[in-house]
C-alpha atoms as a PDB file:
ATOM      1  CA  MET A   1       0.111  -0.247   0.252  1.00  0.00           C
ATOM      2  CA  LYS A   2       1.483   3.689  -0.618  1.00  0.00           C
ATOM      3  CA  THR A   3       1.864   5.421   1.925  1.00  0.00           C
ATOM      4  CA  TYR A   4       0.921   9.291   0.634  1.00  0.00           C
ATOM      5  CA  GLU A   5      -2.289  10.768   0.122  1.00  0.00           C
ATOM      6  CA  PRO A   6      -4.377  10.014  -1.434  1.00  0.00           C
ATOM      7  CA  ASN A   7      -2.923   7.090  -2.892  1.00  0.00           C
ATOM      8  CA  THR A   8      -3.110   5.271   0.253  1.00  0.00           C
ATOM      9  CA  LEU A   9      -6.954   5.989   0.369  1.00  0.00           C
ATOM     10  CA  ILE A  10      -7.157   4.973  -2.676  1.00  0.00           C
ATOM     11  CA  ASP A  11      -5.570   1.654  -1.834  1.00  0.00           C
ATOM     12  CA  LYS A  12      -7.198   1.094   1.078  1.00  0.00           C
ATOM     13  CA  LEU A  13     -10.679   1.022  -0.491  1.00  0.00           C
ATOM     14  CA  ILE A  14      -8.874  -1.080  -3.393  1.00  0.00           C
ATOM     15  CA  ILE A  15      -7.946  -3.581  -0.490  1.00  0.00           C
ATOM     16  CA  GLY A  16     -11.706  -3.164   0.880  1.00  0.00           C
ATOM     17  CA  ALA A  17     -13.398  -3.847  -2.256  1.00  0.00           C
ATOM     18  CA  TYR A  18     -11.465  -7.029  -2.755  1.00  0.00           C
ATOM     19  CA  ILE A  19     -11.768  -8.182   0.826  1.00  0.00           C
ATOM     20  CA  GLU A  20     -16.118  -7.543   0.198  1.00  0.00           C
ATOM     21  CA  ALA A  21     -15.898  -9.524  -2.830  1.00  0.00           C
ATOM     22  CA  ARG A  22     -13.998 -12.447  -1.246  1.00  0.00           C
ATOM     23  CA  SER A  23     -16.968 -12.171   0.920  1.00  0.00           C
ATOM     24  CA  CYS A  24     -19.434 -12.245  -1.704  1.00  0.00           C
ATOM     25  CA  GLU A  25     -17.837 -15.585  -2.812  1.00  0.00           C
ATOM     26  CA  ARG A  26     -17.994 -17.159   0.236  1.00  0.00           C
ATOM     27  CA  PHE A  27     -21.760 -16.560   0.834  1.00  0.00           C
ATOM     28  CA  ALA A  28     -22.363 -17.189  -2.353  1.00  0.00           C
ATOM     29  CA  LYS A  29     -20.253 -20.942  -2.294  1.00  0.00           C
ATOM     30  CA  LEU A  30     -22.433 -21.618   1.469  1.00  0.00           C
ATOM     31  CA  ALA A  31     -26.061 -20.502   0.566  1.00  0.00           C
ATOM     32  CA  PRO A  32     -26.788 -23.509  -1.572  1.00  0.00           C
ATOM     33  CA  PHE A  33     -25.515 -25.874   1.511  1.00  0.00           C
ATOM     34  CA  MET A  34     -27.951 -23.714   4.079  1.00  0.00           C
ATOM     35  CA  ASP A  35     -30.863 -24.519   4.791  1.00  0.00           C
ATOM     36  CA  ASP A  36     -33.679 -21.579   3.233  1.00  0.00           C
ATOM     37  CA  ASP A  37     -34.060 -19.472   6.108  1.00  0.00           C
ATOM     38  CA  ILE A  38     -30.392 -19.508   6.595  1.00  0.00           C
ATOM     39  CA  ALA A  39     -29.711 -19.492   2.988  1.00  0.00           C
ATOM     40  CA  LYS A  40     -32.030 -16.448   2.137  1.00  0.00           C
ATOM     41  CA  PHE A  41     -29.700 -14.445   4.681  1.00  0.00           C
ATOM     42  CA  TYR A  42     -26.798 -15.117   3.194  1.00  0.00           C
ATOM     43  CA  VAL A  43     -27.829 -14.260  -0.382  1.00  0.00           C
ATOM     44  CA  SER A  44     -29.108 -10.954   1.037  1.00  0.00           C
ATOM     45  CA  LEU A  45     -25.437 -10.995   2.813  1.00  0.00           C
ATOM     46  CA  LEU A  46     -23.662 -11.581  -0.697  1.00  0.00           C
ATOM     47  CA  ARG A  47     -25.777  -8.941  -2.256  1.00  0.00           C
ATOM     48  CA  SER A  48     -24.911  -6.313   0.104  1.00  0.00           C
ATOM     49  CA  GLU A  49     -21.605  -7.496  -0.072  1.00  0.00           C
ATOM     50  CA  ALA A  50     -21.512  -6.558  -3.765  1.00  0.00           C
ATOM     51  CA  ARG A  51     -23.057  -3.391  -3.179  1.00  0.00           C
ATOM     52  CA  HIS A  52     -20.237  -2.849  -1.088  1.00  0.00           C
ATOM     53  CA  TYR A  53     -17.466  -3.889  -2.801  1.00  0.00           C
ATOM     54  CA  GLN A  54     -18.462  -1.852  -6.097  1.00  0.00           C
ATOM     55  CA  ASP A  55     -18.890   1.277  -3.984  1.00  0.00           C
ATOM     56  CA  TYR A  56     -15.624   0.810  -2.621  1.00  0.00           C
ATOM     57  CA  LEU A  57     -14.326   0.901  -6.373  1.00  0.00           C
ATOM     58  CA  THR A  58     -16.248   3.964  -7.099  1.00  0.00           C
ATOM     59  CA  LEU A  59     -15.054   5.897  -4.417  1.00  0.00           C
ATOM     60  CA  ALA A  60     -11.372   4.854  -5.361  1.00  0.00           C
ATOM     61  CA  GLU A  61     -11.688   5.978  -8.796  1.00  0.00           C
ATOM     62  CA  GLN A  62     -13.859   9.017  -7.759  1.00  0.00           C
ATOM     63  CA  VAL A  63     -10.670  10.107  -5.463  1.00  0.00           C
ATOM     64  CA  ALA A  64      -8.002   9.047  -8.115  1.00  0.00           C
ATOM     65  CA  GLY A  65      -9.846  11.349 -10.903  1.00  0.00           C
ATOM     66  CA  CYS A  66      -8.581   8.712 -13.303  1.00  0.00           C
ATOM     67  CA  ASP A  67      -8.698   4.696 -14.351  1.00  0.00           C
ATOM     68  CA  ILE A  68      -7.627   2.412 -11.539  1.00  0.00           C
ATOM     69  CA  SER A  69      -7.425  -0.825 -13.099  1.00  0.00           C
ATOM     70  CA  GLU A  70      -3.970  -1.314 -13.389  1.00  0.00           C
ATOM     71  CA  ARG A  71      -3.764  -0.568  -9.162  1.00  0.00           C
ATOM     72  CA  VAL A  72      -6.785  -3.221  -9.155  1.00  0.00           C
ATOM     73  CA  ALA A  73      -4.863  -5.475 -10.846  1.00  0.00           C
ATOM     74  CA  PHE A  74      -1.861  -5.283  -9.146  1.00  0.00           C
ATOM     75  CA  PHE A  75      -3.610  -6.166  -6.116  1.00  0.00           C
ATOM     76  CA  GLY A  76      -5.124  -9.229  -7.504  1.00  0.00           C
ATOM     77  CA  LYS A  77      -1.584 -10.460  -8.030  1.00  0.00           C
ATOM     78  CA  VAL A  78      -0.023  -9.812  -4.477  1.00  0.00           C
ATOM     79  CA  GLU A  79      -3.684 -11.461  -3.513  1.00  0.00           C
ATOM     80  CA  ALA A  80      -3.283 -14.489  -5.447  1.00  0.00           C
ATOM     81  CA  GLU A  81       0.656 -14.672  -4.550  1.00  0.00           C
ATOM     82  CA  LEU A  82      -0.226 -14.650  -0.656  1.00  0.00           C
ATOM     83  CA  ILE A  83      -3.249 -17.291  -1.189  1.00  0.00           C
ATOM     84  CA  SER A  84      -0.904 -19.403  -3.408  1.00  0.00           C
ATOM     85  CA  SER A  85       2.330 -18.687  -1.256  1.00  0.00           C
ATOM     86  CA  PRO A  86       3.237 -20.851   2.409  1.00  0.00           C
ATOM     87  CA  ASP A  87       2.500 -19.207   5.171  1.00  0.00           C
ATOM     88  CA  ASP A  88       4.432 -20.044   8.198  1.00  0.00           C
ATOM     89  CA  ASP A  89       2.750 -17.106  10.325  1.00  0.00           C
ATOM     90  CA  PHE A  90      -0.979 -18.418   9.570  1.00  0.00           C
ATOM     91  CA  LYS A  91      -1.618 -14.596   8.853  1.00  0.00           C
ATOM     92  CA  PHE A  92      -3.146 -15.389   5.385  1.00  0.00           C
ATOM     93  CA  HIS A  93      -6.438 -17.915   5.413  1.00  0.00           C
ATOM     94  CA  SER A  94      -4.758 -21.453   6.596  1.00  0.00           C
ATOM     95  CA  GLY A  95      -1.289 -21.948   4.376  1.00  0.00           C
ATOM     96  CA  ILE A  96      -0.681 -23.491   0.854  1.00  0.00           C
ATOM     97  CA  PRO A  97      -4.194 -24.307  -0.318  1.00  0.00           C
ATOM     98  CA  ALA A  98      -5.046 -27.885  -0.384  1.00  0.00           C
END
C-alpha cells in the first residue's frame, strides 16, 4: 500500500473492495448448502457485500480522478501470491491450498 495521500486512501479502498468481493464469493458458495432461511439470509449478505465492493471501487476511482484498473490488477496479483504461497505465520487464510 502506498504511504502518501491520496494514494493511501485509494489503495485502502481497493483492498476493501477485494475483502468485500471475497465475502461475496464465500456467501455464494455456502448458501446452496444451507437450510432455506439461512440461505436467504446469506444471499442477502452476498448482495450487500456486492454493493460494498462496487462502492469501494467507485470511491477509489473518484478519489483517483482516473482509471484505477492497473492498481486493482496489482492488488489482485498480490492476493493471488498470498493465497498460493506458504504462510508459516498463519496470517493469510490457512497456508498452502489443499
